[in-house]
């Protein structure tokens, strides 16, 4: 239950951060995820998939969604390095934390299944 709640909270945080300023493009002008378009929509879909997979405890899908989200957010960070806004840094932190939580829960599930078999 604890992993389910943490996973759902991380997924919702990823969706909320998508609407926050990601890149500074001018003097006090910032761009959010919906204004970047195309590949940034995959970030929202991955966060939604992560939330749903956390609720139903589908750990493999959580790892896949968190990996894709981390890769895309790191790509955005590498492209907008000096112009990155706080939302992009937060999105990277949340996606890495999501990946770590998913791998930890998956590993815990594997160990409990091995304990039941022996």
PDB file of N, CA and C in Angstrom:
ATOM      1  N   UNK A   1       0.816  -1.196   0.000  1.00  0.00           N
ATOM      2  CA  UNK A   1       0.000   0.000   0.000  1.00  0.00           C
ATOM      3  C   UNK A   1       0.856   1.255   0.000  1.00  0.00           C
ATOM      4  N   UNK A   2       1.991   1.209   0.721  1.00  0.00           N
ATOM      5  CA  UNK A   2       2.869   2.369   0.792  1.00  0.00           C
ATOM      6  C   UNK A   2       3.462   2.685  -0.583  1.00  0.00           C
ATOM      7  N   UNK A   3       3.919   1.656  -1.297  1.00  0.00           N
ATOM      8  CA  UNK A   3       4.474   1.850  -2.633  1.00  0.00           C
ATOM      9  C   UNK A   3       3.432   2.347  -3.617  1.00  0.00           C
ATOM     10  N   UNK A   4       2.196   1.901  -3.429  1.00  0.00           N
ATOM     11  CA  UNK A   4       1.103   2.338  -4.294  1.00  0.00           C
ATOM     12  C   UNK A   4       0.850   3.832  -4.115  1.00  0.00           C
ATOM     13  N   UNK A   5       0.832   4.301  -2.881  1.00  0.00           N
ATOM     14  CA  UNK A   5       0.583   5.720  -2.605  1.00  0.00           C
ATOM     15  C   UNK A   5       1.733   6.596  -3.073  1.00  0.00           C
ATOM     16  N   UNK A   6       2.959   6.148  -2.828  1.00  0.00           N
ATOM     17  CA  UNK A   6       4.118   6.929  -3.267  1.00  0.00           C
ATOM     18  C   UNK A   6       4.166   6.987  -4.785  1.00  0.00           C
ATOM     19  N   UNK A   7       3.898   5.872  -5.442  1.00  0.00           N
ATOM     20  CA  UNK A   7       3.900   5.846  -6.904  1.00  0.00           C
ATOM     21  C   UNK A   7       2.838   6.742  -7.499  1.00  0.00           C
ATOM     22  N   UNK A   8       1.647   6.699  -6.922  1.00  0.00           N
ATOM     23  CA  UNK A   8       0.571   7.565  -7.432  1.00  0.00           C
ATOM     24  C   UNK A   8       0.913   9.037  -7.211  1.00  0.00           C
ATOM     25  N   UNK A   9       1.518   9.356  -6.064  1.00  0.00           N
ATOM     26  CA  UNK A   9       1.896  10.747  -5.790  1.00  0.00           C
ATOM     27  C   UNK A   9       2.987  11.221  -6.748  1.00  0.00           C
ATOM     28  N   UNK A  10       3.954  10.366  -7.043  1.00  0.00           N
ATOM     29  CA  UNK A  10       5.003  10.744  -7.986  1.00  0.00           C
ATOM     30  C   UNK A  10       4.450  10.931  -9.395  1.00  0.00           C
ATOM     31  N   UNK A  11       3.517  10.074  -9.797  1.00  0.00           N
ATOM     32  CA  UNK A  11       2.900  10.225 -11.113  1.00  0.00           C
ATOM     33  C   UNK A  11       2.103  11.513 -11.234  1.00  0.00           C
ATOM     34  N   UNK A  12       1.342  11.839 -10.204  1.00  0.00           N
ATOM     35  CA  UNK A  12       0.569  13.084 -10.214  1.00  0.00           C
ATOM     36  C   UNK A  12       1.513  14.291 -10.195  1.00  0.00           C
ATOM     37  N   UNK A  13       2.603  14.200  -9.436  1.00  0.00           N
ATOM     38  CA  UNK A  13       3.572  15.297  -9.403  1.00  0.00           C
ATOM     39  C   UNK A  13       4.202  15.509 -10.780  1.00  0.00           C
ATOM     40  N   UNK A  14       4.469  14.430 -11.497  1.00  0.00           N
ATOM     41  CA  UNK A  14       4.989  14.549 -12.857  1.00  0.00           C
ATOM     42  C   UNK A  14       4.013  15.236 -13.792  1.00  0.00           C
ATOM     43  N   UNK A  15       2.731  14.912 -13.639  1.00  0.00           N
ATOM     44  CA  UNK A  15       1.721  15.567 -14.481  1.00  0.00           C
ATOM     45  C   UNK A  15       1.583  17.045 -14.139  1.00  0.00           C
ATOM     46  N   UNK A  16       1.646  17.386 -12.863  1.00  0.00           N
ATOM     47  CA  UNK A  16       1.531  18.787 -12.452  1.00  0.00           C
ATOM     48  C   UNK A  16       2.744  19.586 -12.915  1.00  0.00           C
ATOM     49  N   UNK A  17       3.936  19.015 -12.789  1.00  0.00           N
ATOM     50  CA  UNK A  17       5.150  19.726 -13.198  1.00  0.00           C
ATOM     51  C   UNK A  17       5.211  19.962 -14.701  1.00  0.00           C
ATOM     52  N   UNK A  18       4.493  19.177 -15.476  1.00  0.00           N
ATOM     53  CA  UNK A  18       4.466  19.368 -16.922  1.00  0.00           C
ATOM     54  C   UNK A  18       3.856  20.729 -17.275  1.00  0.00           C
ATOM     55  N   UNK A  19       2.958  21.219 -16.433  1.00  0.00           N
ATOM     56  CA  UNK A  19       2.310  22.505 -16.680  1.00  0.00           C
ATOM     57  C   UNK A  19       3.122  23.687 -16.146  1.00  0.00           C
ATOM     58  N   UNK A  20       4.194  23.436 -15.453  1.00  0.00           N
ATOM     59  CA  UNK A  20       5.021  24.491 -14.871  1.00  0.00           C
ATOM     60  C   UNK A  20       6.059  24.960 -15.886  1.00  0.00           C
ATOM     61  N   UNK A  21       6.725  26.089 -15.611  1.00  0.00           N
ATOM     62  CA  UNK A  21       7.730  26.594 -16.556  1.00  0.00           C
ATOM     63  C   UNK A  21       8.895  25.622 -16.714  1.00  0.00           C
ATOM     64  N   UNK A  22       9.171  25.251 -17.946  1.00  0.00           N
ATOM     65  CA  UNK A  22      10.252  24.313 -18.210  1.00  0.00           C
ATOM     66  C   UNK A  22      11.498  25.007 -18.760  1.00  0.00           C
ATOM     67  N   UNK A  23      11.298  25.972 -19.660  1.00  0.00           N
ATOM     68  CA  UNK A  23      12.425  26.615 -20.331  1.00  0.00           C
ATOM     69  C   UNK A  23      12.184  28.112 -20.394  1.00  0.00           C
ATOM     70  N   UNK A  24      13.239  28.880 -20.142  1.00  0.00           N
ATOM     71  CA  UNK A  24      13.173  30.332 -20.273  1.00  0.00           C
ATOM     72  C   UNK A  24      13.556  30.688 -21.702  1.00  0.00           C
ATOM     73  N   UNK A  25      12.675  31.411 -22.405  1.00  0.00           N
ATOM     74  CA  UNK A  25      12.934  31.760 -23.800  1.00  0.00           C
ATOM     75  C   UNK A  25      13.145  33.258 -24.006  1.00  0.00           C
ATOM     76  N   UNK A  26      12.937  34.047 -23.000  1.00  0.00           N
ATOM     77  CA  UNK A  26      13.138  35.484 -23.105  1.00  0.00           C
ATOM     78  C   UNK A  26      13.122  36.100 -21.728  1.00  0.00           C
ATOM     79  N   UNK A  27      13.120  37.418 -21.698  1.00  0.00           N
ATOM     80  CA  UNK A  27      13.095  38.116 -20.419  1.00  0.00           C
ATOM     81  C   UNK A  27      11.735  37.901 -19.770  1.00  0.00           C
ATOM     82  N   UNK A  28      11.709  37.121 -18.682  1.00  0.00           N
ATOM     83  CA  UNK A  28      10.488  36.753 -17.963  1.00  0.00           C
ATOM     84  C   UNK A  28       9.465  36.041 -18.849  1.00  0.00           C
ATOM     85  N   UNK A  29       9.926  35.333 -19.871  1.00  0.00           N
ATOM     86  CA  UNK A  29       9.044  34.542 -20.737  1.00  0.00           C
ATOM     87  C   UNK A  29       9.474  33.080 -20.609  1.00  0.00           C
ATOM     88  N   UNK A  30       8.538  32.254 -20.162  1.00  0.00           N
ATOM     89  CA  UNK A  30       8.823  30.837 -19.946  1.00  0.00           C
ATOM     90  C   UNK A  30       7.882  29.990 -20.797  1.00  0.00           C
ATOM     91  N   UNK A  31       8.333  28.782 -21.102  1.00  0.00           N
ATOM     92  CA  UNK A  31       7.553  27.846 -21.905  1.00  0.00           C
ATOM     93  C   UNK A  31       7.240  26.632 -21.043  1.00  0.00           C
ATOM     94  N   UNK A  32       5.975  26.224 -21.050  1.00  0.00           N
ATOM     95  CA  UNK A  32       5.542  25.027 -20.316  1.00  0.00           C
ATOM     96  C   UNK A  32       5.482  23.840 -21.273  1.00  0.00           C
ATOM     97  N   UNK A  33       5.170  22.683 -20.738  1.00  0.00           N
ATOM     98  CA  UNK A  33       5.140  21.462 -21.545  1.00  0.00           C
ATOM     99  C   UNK A  33       4.137  21.497 -22.673  1.00  0.00           C
ATOM    100  N   UNK A  34       2.969  22.067 -22.432  1.00  0.00           N
ATOM    101  CA  UNK A  34       1.945  22.085 -23.478  1.00  0.00           C
ATOM    102  C   UNK A  34       2.335  23.012 -24.622  1.00  0.00           C
ATOM    103  N   UNK A  35       3.246  23.953 -24.385  1.00  0.00           N
ATOM    104  CA  UNK A  35       3.683  24.859 -25.439  1.00  0.00           C
ATOM    105  C   UNK A  35       4.860  24.295 -26.225  1.00  0.00           C
ATOM    106  N   UNK A  36       5.548  23.315 -25.664  1.00  0.00           N
ATOM    107  CA  UNK A  36       6.647  22.678 -26.384  1.00  0.00           C
ATOM    108  C   UNK A  36       6.075  21.723 -27.425  1.00  0.00           C
ATOM    109  N   UNK A  37       5.044  20.966 -27.040  1.00  0.00           N
ATOM    110  CA  UNK A  37       4.355  20.077 -27.971  1.00  0.00           C
ATOM    111  C   UNK A  37       5.098  18.777 -28.236  1.00  0.00           C
ATOM    112  N   UNK A  38       4.581  18.029 -29.188  1.00  0.00           N
ATOM    113  CA  UNK A  38       5.112  16.764 -29.688  1.00  0.00           C
ATOM    114  C   UNK A  38       5.650  15.828 -28.615  1.00  0.00           C
ATOM    115  N   UNK A  39       6.959  15.785 -28.434  1.00  0.00           N
ATOM    116  CA  UNK A  39       7.556  14.803 -27.543  1.00  0.00           C
ATOM    117  C   UNK A  39       7.219  15.082 -26.077  1.00  0.00           C
ATOM    118  N   UNK A  40       6.900  16.326 -25.752  1.00  0.00           N
ATOM    119  CA  UNK A  40       6.580  16.617 -24.346  1.00  0.00           C
ATOM    120  C   UNK A  40       5.246  15.997 -23.931  1.00  0.00           C
ATOM    121  N   UNK A  41       4.373  15.725 -24.891  1.00  0.00           N
ATOM    122  CA  UNK A  41       3.122  15.051 -24.551  1.00  0.00           C
ATOM    123  C   UNK A  41       3.378  13.630 -24.058  1.00  0.00           C
ATOM    124  N   UNK A  42       4.478  13.036 -24.500  1.00  0.00           N
ATOM    125  CA  UNK A  42       4.823  11.702 -24.027  1.00  0.00           C
ATOM    126  C   UNK A  42       5.122  11.735 -22.529  1.00  0.00           C
ATOM    127  N   UNK A  43       5.659  12.865 -22.036  1.00  0.00           N
ATOM    128  CA  UNK A  43       5.912  12.999 -20.606  1.00  0.00           C
ATOM    129  C   UNK A  43       4.625  12.896 -19.795  1.00  0.00           C
ATOM    130  N   UNK A  44       3.570  13.549 -20.261  1.00  0.00           N
ATOM    131  CA  UNK A  44       2.291  13.494 -19.551  1.00  0.00           C
ATOM    132  C   UNK A  44       1.710  12.088 -19.620  1.00  0.00           C
ATOM    133  N   UNK A  45       1.799  11.461 -20.776  1.00  0.00           N
ATOM    134  CA  UNK A  45       1.275  10.103 -20.927  1.00  0.00           C
ATOM    135  C   UNK A  45       2.060   9.134 -20.043  1.00  0.00           C
ATOM    136  N   UNK A  46       3.376   9.304 -19.963  1.00  0.00           N
ATOM    137  CA  UNK A  46       4.186   8.439 -19.098  1.00  0.00           C
ATOM    138  C   UNK A  46       3.844   8.653 -17.629  1.00  0.00           C
ATOM    139  N   UNK A  47       3.613   9.892 -17.232  1.00  0.00           N
ATOM    140  CA  UNK A  47       3.229  10.148 -15.838  1.00  0.00           C
ATOM    141  C   UNK A  47       1.862   9.547 -15.527  1.00  0.00           C
ATOM    142  N   UNK A  48       0.933   9.656 -16.464  1.00  0.00           N
ATOM    143  CA  UNK A  48      -0.386   9.046 -16.282  1.00  0.00           C
ATOM    144  C   UNK A  48      -0.269   7.526 -16.224  1.00  0.00           C
ATOM    145  N   UNK A  49       0.519   6.953 -17.124  1.00  0.00           N
ATOM    146  CA  UNK A  49       0.713   5.496 -17.116  1.00  0.00           C
ATOM    147  C   UNK A  49       1.384   5.045 -15.824  1.00  0.00           C
ATOM    148  N   UNK A  50       2.319   5.843 -15.321  1.00  0.00           N
ATOM    149  CA  UNK A  50       2.992   5.516 -14.067  1.00  0.00           C
ATOM    150  C   UNK A  50       2.007   5.536 -12.904  1.00  0.00           C
ATOM    151  N   UNK A  51       1.125   6.521 -12.895  1.00  0.00           N
ATOM    152  CA  UNK A  51       0.123   6.609 -11.825  1.00  0.00           C
ATOM    153  C   UNK A  51      -0.815   5.405 -11.853  1.00  0.00           C
ATOM    154  N   UNK A  52      -1.294   5.061 -13.026  1.00  0.00           N
ATOM    155  CA  UNK A  52      -2.215   3.922 -13.166  1.00  0.00           C
ATOM    156  C   UNK A  52      -1.504   2.613 -12.827  1.00  0.00           C
ATOM    157  N   UNK A  53      -0.266   2.456 -13.326  1.00  0.00           N
ATOM    158  CA  UNK A  53       0.492   1.238 -13.044  1.00  0.00           C
ATOM    159  C   UNK A  53       0.824   1.126 -11.555  1.00  0.00           C
ATOM    160  N   UNK A  54       1.036   2.251 -10.897  1.00  0.00           N
ATOM    161  CA  UNK A  54       1.289   2.224  -9.452  1.00  0.00           C
ATOM    162  C   UNK A  54       0.053   1.773  -8.703  1.00  0.00           C
ATOM    163  N   UNK A  55      -1.096   2.262  -9.130  1.00  0.00           N
ATOM    164  CA  UNK A  55      -2.336   1.907  -8.454  1.00  0.00           C
ATOM    165  C   UNK A  55      -2.624   0.413  -8.576  1.00  0.00           C
ATOM    166  N   UNK A  56      -2.344  -0.151  -9.752  1.00  0.00           N
ATOM    167  CA  UNK A  56      -2.603  -1.572  -9.968  1.00  0.00           C
ATOM    168  C   UNK A  56      -1.383  -2.448  -9.709  1.00  0.00           C
ATOM    169  N   UNK A  57      -0.293  -1.853  -9.198  1.00  0.00           N
ATOM    170  CA  UNK A  57       0.943  -2.543  -8.849  1.00  0.00           C
ATOM    171  C   UNK A  57       1.526  -3.349 -10.016  1.00  0.00           C
ATOM    172  N   UNK A  58       1.601  -2.705 -11.170  1.00  0.00           N
ATOM    173  CA  UNK A  58       2.224  -3.284 -12.360  1.00  0.00           C
ATOM    174  C   UNK A  58       3.637  -2.722 -12.446  1.00  0.00           C
ATOM    175  N   UNK A  59       4.577  -3.382 -11.791  1.00  0.00           N
ATOM    176  CA  UNK A  59       5.905  -2.817 -11.591  1.00  0.00           C
ATOM    177  C   UNK A  59       6.718  -2.728 -12.877  1.00  0.00           C
ATOM    178  N   UNK A  60       6.575  -3.682 -13.778  1.00  0.00           N
ATOM    179  CA  UNK A  60       7.315  -3.609 -15.044  1.00  0.00           C
ATOM    180  C   UNK A  60       6.885  -2.390 -15.853  1.00  0.00           C
ATOM    181  N   UNK A  61       5.599  -2.148 -15.915  1.00  0.00           N
ATOM    182  CA  UNK A  61       5.101  -0.979 -16.642  1.00  0.00           C
ATOM    183  C   UNK A  61       5.549   0.316 -15.972  1.00  0.00           C
ATOM    184  N   UNK A  62       5.623   0.314 -14.646  1.00  0.00           N
ATOM    185  CA  UNK A  62       6.121   1.488 -13.921  1.00  0.00           C
ATOM    186  C   UNK A  62       7.567   1.783 -14.293  1.00  0.00           C
ATOM    187  N   UNK A  63       8.392   0.737 -14.355  1.00  0.00           N
ATOM    188  CA  UNK A  63       9.801   0.925 -14.707  1.00  0.00           C
ATOM    189  C   UNK A  63       9.924   1.453 -16.129  1.00  0.00           C
ATOM    190  N   UNK A  64       9.145   0.920 -17.050  1.00  0.00           N
ATOM    191  CA  UNK A  64       9.193   1.372 -18.440  1.00  0.00           C
ATOM    192  C   UNK A  64       8.758   2.824 -18.547  1.00  0.00           C
ATOM    193  N   UNK A  65       7.652   3.180 -17.921  1.00  0.00           N
ATOM    194  CA  UNK A  65       7.155   4.562 -17.979  1.00  0.00           C
ATOM    195  C   UNK A  65       8.140   5.533 -17.335  1.00  0.00           C
ATOM    196  N   UNK A  66       8.721   5.151 -16.207  1.00  0.00           N
ATOM    197  CA  UNK A  66       9.686   6.029 -15.536  1.00  0.00           C
ATOM    198  C   UNK A  66      10.969   6.164 -16.349  1.00  0.00           C
ATOM    199  N   UNK A  67      11.388   5.100 -17.025  1.00  0.00           N
ATOM    200  CA  UNK A  67      12.588   5.172 -17.859  1.00  0.00           C
ATOM    201  C   UNK A  67      12.376   6.106 -19.033  1.00  0.00           C
ATOM    202  N   UNK A  68      11.241   6.002 -19.691  1.00  0.00           N
ATOM    203  CA  UNK A  68      10.947   6.887 -20.821  1.00  0.00           C
ATOM    204  C   UNK A  68      10.847   8.332 -20.353  1.00  0.00           C
ATOM    205  N   UNK A  69      10.173   8.552 -19.244  1.00  0.00           N
ATOM    206  CA  UNK A  69      10.030   9.899 -18.706  1.00  0.00           C
ATOM    207  C   UNK A  69      11.381  10.497 -18.315  1.00  0.00           C
ATOM    208  N   UNK A  70      12.228   9.707 -17.690  1.00  0.00           N
ATOM    209  CA  UNK A  70      13.559  10.178 -17.308  1.00  0.00           C
ATOM    210  C   UNK A  70      14.396  10.509 -18.539  1.00  0.00           C
ATOM    211  N   UNK A  71      14.333   9.653 -19.547  1.00  0.00           N
ATOM    212  CA  UNK A  71      15.120   9.896 -20.763  1.00  0.00           C
ATOM    213  C   UNK A  71      14.687  11.181 -21.463  1.00  0.00           C
ATOM    214  N   UNK A  72      13.383  11.399 -21.585  1.00  0.00           N
ATOM    215  CA  UNK A  72      12.900  12.596 -22.262  1.00  0.00           C
ATOM    216  C   UNK A  72      13.200  13.853 -21.456  1.00  0.00           C
ATOM    217  N   UNK A  73      13.016  13.792 -20.146  1.00  0.00           N
ATOM    218  CA  UNK A  73      13.297  14.982 -19.339  1.00  0.00           C
ATOM    219  C   UNK A  73      14.789  15.285 -19.307  1.00  0.00           C
ATOM    220  N   UNK A  74      15.636  14.269 -19.317  1.00  0.00           N
ATOM    221  CA  UNK A  74      17.083  14.509 -19.407  1.00  0.00           C
ATOM    222  C   UNK A  74      17.459  15.084 -20.770  1.00  0.00           C
ATOM    223  N   UNK A  75      16.776  14.639 -21.822  1.00  0.00           N
ATOM    224  CA  UNK A  75      17.005  15.205 -23.153  1.00  0.00           C
ATOM    225  C   UNK A  75      16.653  16.688 -23.171  1.00  0.00           C
ATOM    226  N   UNK A  76      15.514  17.036 -22.598  1.00  0.00           N
ATOM    227  CA  UNK A  76      15.128  18.446 -22.514  1.00  0.00           C
ATOM    228  C   UNK A  76      16.138  19.248 -21.702  1.00  0.00           C
ATOM    229  N   UNK A  77      16.610  18.678 -20.611  1.00  0.00           N
ATOM    230  CA  UNK A  77      17.576  19.380 -19.771  1.00  0.00           C
ATOM    231  C   UNK A  77      18.897  19.588 -20.501  1.00  0.00           C
ATOM    232  N   UNK A  78      19.326  18.599 -21.263  1.00  0.00           N
ATOM    233  CA  UNK A  78      20.585  18.747 -22.001  1.00  0.00           C
ATOM    234  C   UNK A  78      20.467  19.770 -23.124  1.00  0.00           C
ATOM    235  N   UNK A  79      19.276  19.920 -23.699  1.00  0.00           N
ATOM    236  CA  UNK A  79      19.086  20.900 -24.765  1.00  0.00           C
ATOM    237  C   UNK A  79      18.934  22.320 -24.231  1.00  0.00           C
ATOM    238  N   UNK A  80      18.323  22.476 -23.068  1.00  0.00           N
ATOM    239  CA  UNK A  80      18.047  23.804 -22.528  1.00  0.00           C
ATOM    240  C   UNK A  80      18.912  24.097 -21.312  1.00  0.00           C
ATOM    241  N   UNK A  81      20.112  23.610 -21.300  1.00  0.00           N
ATOM    242  CA  UNK A  81      20.955  23.605 -20.116  1.00  0.00           C
ATOM    243  C   UNK A  81      20.959  24.930 -19.351  1.00  0.00           C
ATOM    244  N   UNK A  82      21.359  26.006 -19.982  1.00  0.00           N
ATOM    245  CA  UNK A  82      21.462  27.284 -19.263  1.00  0.00           C
ATOM    246  C   UNK A  82      20.122  28.008 -19.165  1.00  0.00           C
ATOM    247  N   UNK A  83      19.148  27.613 -19.954  1.00  0.00           N
ATOM    248  CA  UNK A  83      17.837  28.263 -19.943  1.00  0.00           C
ATOM    249  C   UNK A  83      16.762  27.432 -19.255  1.00  0.00           C
ATOM    250  N   UNK A  84      17.172  26.367 -18.587  1.00  0.00           N
ATOM    251  CA  UNK A  84      16.193  25.501 -17.922  1.00  0.00           C
ATOM    252  C   UNK A  84      15.569  26.229 -16.742  1.00  0.00           C
ATOM    253  N   UNK A  85      14.272  26.050 -16.577  1.00  0.00           N
ATOM    254  CA  UNK A  85      13.534  26.674 -15.476  1.00  0.00           C
ATOM    255  C   UNK A  85      13.323  25.640 -14.373  1.00  0.00           C
ATOM    256  N   UNK A  86      12.758  26.094 -13.268  1.00  0.00           N
ATOM    257  CA  UNK A  86      12.609  25.231 -12.093  1.00  0.00           C
ATOM    258  C   UNK A  86      11.698  24.037 -12.364  1.00  0.00           C
ATOM    259  N   UNK A  87      10.732  24.170 -13.254  1.00  0.00           N
ATOM    260  CA  UNK A  87       9.831  23.058 -13.552  1.00  0.00           C
ATOM    261  C   UNK A  87      10.552  21.885 -14.192  1.00  0.00           C
ATOM    262  N   UNK A  88      11.533  22.183 -15.042  1.00  0.00           N
ATOM    263  CA  UNK A  88      12.295  21.123 -15.694  1.00  0.00           C
ATOM    264  C   UNK A  88      13.205  20.405 -14.700  1.00  0.00           C
ATOM    265  N   UNK A  89      13.805  21.164 -13.792  1.00  0.00           N
ATOM    266  CA  UNK A  89      14.614  20.525 -12.747  1.00  0.00           C
ATOM    267  C   UNK A  89      13.734  19.644 -11.851  1.00  0.00           C
ATOM    268  N   UNK A  90      12.572  20.141 -11.490  1.00  0.00           N
ATOM    269  CA  UNK A  90      11.646  19.350 -10.680  1.00  0.00           C
ATOM    270  C   UNK A  90      11.176  18.102 -11.394  1.00  0.00           C
ATOM    271  N   UNK A  91      10.918  18.230 -12.697  1.00  0.00           N
ATOM    272  CA  UNK A  91      10.475  17.081 -13.488  1.00  0.00           C
ATOM    273  C   UNK A  91      11.561  16.018 -13.553  1.00  0.00           C
ATOM    274  N   UNK A  92      12.803  16.432 -13.673  1.00  0.00           N
ATOM    275  CA  UNK A  92      13.912  15.473 -13.660  1.00  0.00           C
ATOM    276  C   UNK A  92      14.026  14.771 -12.321  1.00  0.00           C
ATOM    277  N   UNK A  93      13.895  15.516 -11.241  1.00  0.00           N
ATOM    278  CA  UNK A  93      13.976  14.916  -9.908  1.00  0.00           C
ATOM    279  C   UNK A  93      12.837  13.925  -9.688  1.00  0.00           C
ATOM    280  N   UNK A  94      11.636  14.299 -10.091  1.00  0.00           N
ATOM    281  CA  UNK A  94      10.475  13.412  -9.915  1.00  0.00           C
ATOM    282  C   UNK A  94      10.606  12.168 -10.784  1.00  0.00           C
ATOM    283  N   UNK A  95      11.084  12.316 -12.020  1.00  0.00           N
ATOM    284  CA  UNK A  95      11.200  11.140 -12.886  1.00  0.00           C
ATOM    285  C   UNK A  95      12.281  10.178 -12.388  1.00  0.00           C
ATOM    286  N   UNK A  96      13.380  10.703 -11.865  1.00  0.00           N
ATOM    287  CA  UNK A  96      14.415   9.826 -11.309  1.00  0.00           C
ATOM    288  C   UNK A  96      13.905   9.141 -10.035  1.00  0.00           C
ATOM    289  N   UNK A  97      13.205   9.893  -9.190  1.00  0.00           N
ATOM    290  CA  UNK A  97      12.625   9.292  -7.981  1.00  0.00           C
ATOM    291  C   UNK A  97      11.579   8.237  -8.349  1.00  0.00           C
ATOM    292  N   UNK A  98      10.816   8.482  -9.409  1.00  0.00           N
ATOM    293  CA  UNK A  98       9.834   7.500  -9.869  1.00  0.00           C
ATOM    294  C   UNK A  98      10.516   6.220 -10.322  1.00  0.00           C
ATOM    295  N   UNK A  99      11.610   6.374 -11.051  1.00  0.00           N
ATOM    296  CA  UNK A  99      12.335   5.195 -11.515  1.00  0.00           C
ATOM    297  C   UNK A  99      12.889   4.408 -10.333  1.00  0.00           C
ATOM    298  N   UNK A 100      13.477   5.103  -9.371  1.00  0.00           N
ATOM    299  CA  UNK A 100      14.021   4.426  -8.199  1.00  0.00           C
ATOM    300  C   UNK A 100      12.929   3.705  -7.398  1.00  0.00           C
ATOM    301  N   UNK A 101      11.778   4.362  -7.228  1.00  0.00           N
ATOM    302  CA  UNK A 101      10.668   3.737  -6.491  1.00  0.00           C
ATOM    303  C   UNK A 101      10.142   2.509  -7.233  1.00  0.00           C
ATOM    304  N   UNK A 102      10.045   2.601  -8.559  1.00  0.00           N
ATOM    305  CA  UNK A 102       9.543   1.469  -9.340  1.00  0.00           C
ATOM    306  C   UNK A 102      10.491   0.283  -9.267  1.00  0.00           C
ATOM    307  N   UNK A 103      11.796   0.542  -9.402  1.00  0.00           N
ATOM    308  CA  UNK A 103      12.777  -0.545  -9.336  1.00  0.00           C
ATOM    309  C   UNK A 103      12.796  -1.161  -7.937  1.00  0.00           C
ATOM    310  N   UNK A 104      12.723  -0.333  -6.903  1.00  0.00           N
ATOM    311  CA  UNK A 104      12.710  -0.845  -5.531  1.00  0.00           C
ATOM    312  C   UNK A 104      11.478  -1.713  -5.285  1.00  0.00           C
ATOM    313  N   UNK A 105      10.296  -1.257  -5.720  1.00  0.00           N
ATOM    314  CA  UNK A 105       9.077  -2.047  -5.533  1.00  0.00           C
ATOM    315  C   UNK A 105       9.106  -3.338  -6.338  1.00  0.00           C
ATOM    316  N   UNK A 106       9.659  -3.281  -7.559  1.00  0.00           N
ATOM    317  CA  UNK A 106       9.757  -4.475  -8.387  1.00  0.00           C
ATOM    318  C   UNK A 106      10.695  -5.486  -7.730  1.00  0.00           C
ATOM    319  N   UNK A 107      11.826  -5.007  -7.205  1.00  0.00           N
ATOM    320  CA  UNK A 107      12.776  -5.890  -6.550  1.00  0.00           C
ATOM    321  C   UNK A 107      12.179  -6.487  -5.282  1.00  0.00           C
ATOM    322  N   UNK A 108      11.432  -5.697  -4.535  1.00  0.00           N
ATOM    323  CA  UNK A 108      10.771  -6.193  -3.328  1.00  0.00           C
ATOM    324  C   UNK A 108       9.739  -7.256  -3.678  1.00  0.00           C
ATOM    325  N   UNK A 109       9.001  -7.046  -4.765  1.00  0.00           N
ATOM    326  CA  UNK A 109       8.022  -8.034  -5.208  1.00  0.00           C
ATOM    327  C   UNK A 109       8.670  -9.331  -5.643  1.00  0.00           C
ATOM    328  N   UNK A 110       9.839  -9.235  -6.298  1.00  0.00           N
ATOM    329  CA  UNK A 110      10.559 -10.439  -6.704  1.00  0.00           C
ATOM    330  C   UNK A 110      11.031 -11.226  -5.491  1.00  0.00           C
ATOM    331  N   UNK A 111      11.567 -10.515  -4.496  1.00  0.00           N
ATOM    332  CA  UNK A 111      12.066 -11.191  -3.306  1.00  0.00           C
ATOM    333  C   UNK A 111      10.943 -11.871  -2.538  1.00  0.00           C
ATOM    334  N   UNK A 112       9.786 -11.233  -2.448  1.00  0.00           N
ATOM    335  CA  UNK A 112       8.670 -11.862  -1.735  1.00  0.00           C
ATOM    336  C   UNK A 112       8.150 -13.076  -2.493  1.00  0.00           C
ATOM    337  N   UNK A 113       8.195 -13.023  -3.818  1.00  0.00           N
ATOM    338  CA  UNK A 113       7.773 -14.190  -4.594  1.00  0.00           C
ATOM    339  C   UNK A 113       8.748 -15.337  -4.430  1.00  0.00           C
ATOM    340  N   UNK A 114      10.051 -15.040  -4.339  1.00  0.00           N
ATOM    341  CA  UNK A 114      11.052 -16.085  -4.126  1.00  0.00           C
ATOM    342  C   UNK A 114      10.906 -16.679  -2.717  1.00  0.00           C
ATOM    343  N   UNK A 115      10.572 -15.856  -1.753  1.00  0.00           N
ATOM    344  CA  UNK A 115      10.379 -16.359  -0.383  1.00  0.00           C
ATOM    345  C   UNK A 115       9.185 -17.297  -0.301  1.00  0.00           C
ATOM    346  N   UNK A 116       8.150 -17.000  -1.072  1.00  0.00           N
ATOM    347  CA  UNK A 116       6.963 -17.860  -1.066  1.00  0.00           C
ATOM    348  C   UNK A 116       7.253 -19.213  -1.711  1.00  0.00           C
ATOM    349  N   UNK A 117       8.120 -19.232  -2.725  1.00  0.00           N
ATOM    350  CA  UNK A 117       8.431 -20.473  -3.415  1.00  0.00           C
ATOM    351  C   UNK A 117       9.332 -21.379  -2.586  1.00  0.00           C
ATOM    352  N   UNK A 118      10.178 -20.809  -1.755  1.00  0.00           N
ATOM    353  CA  UNK A 118      11.113 -21.643  -0.993  1.00  0.00           C
ATOM    354  C   UNK A 118      10.587 -22.017   0.368  1.00  0.00           C
TER     355      UNK A 118
END
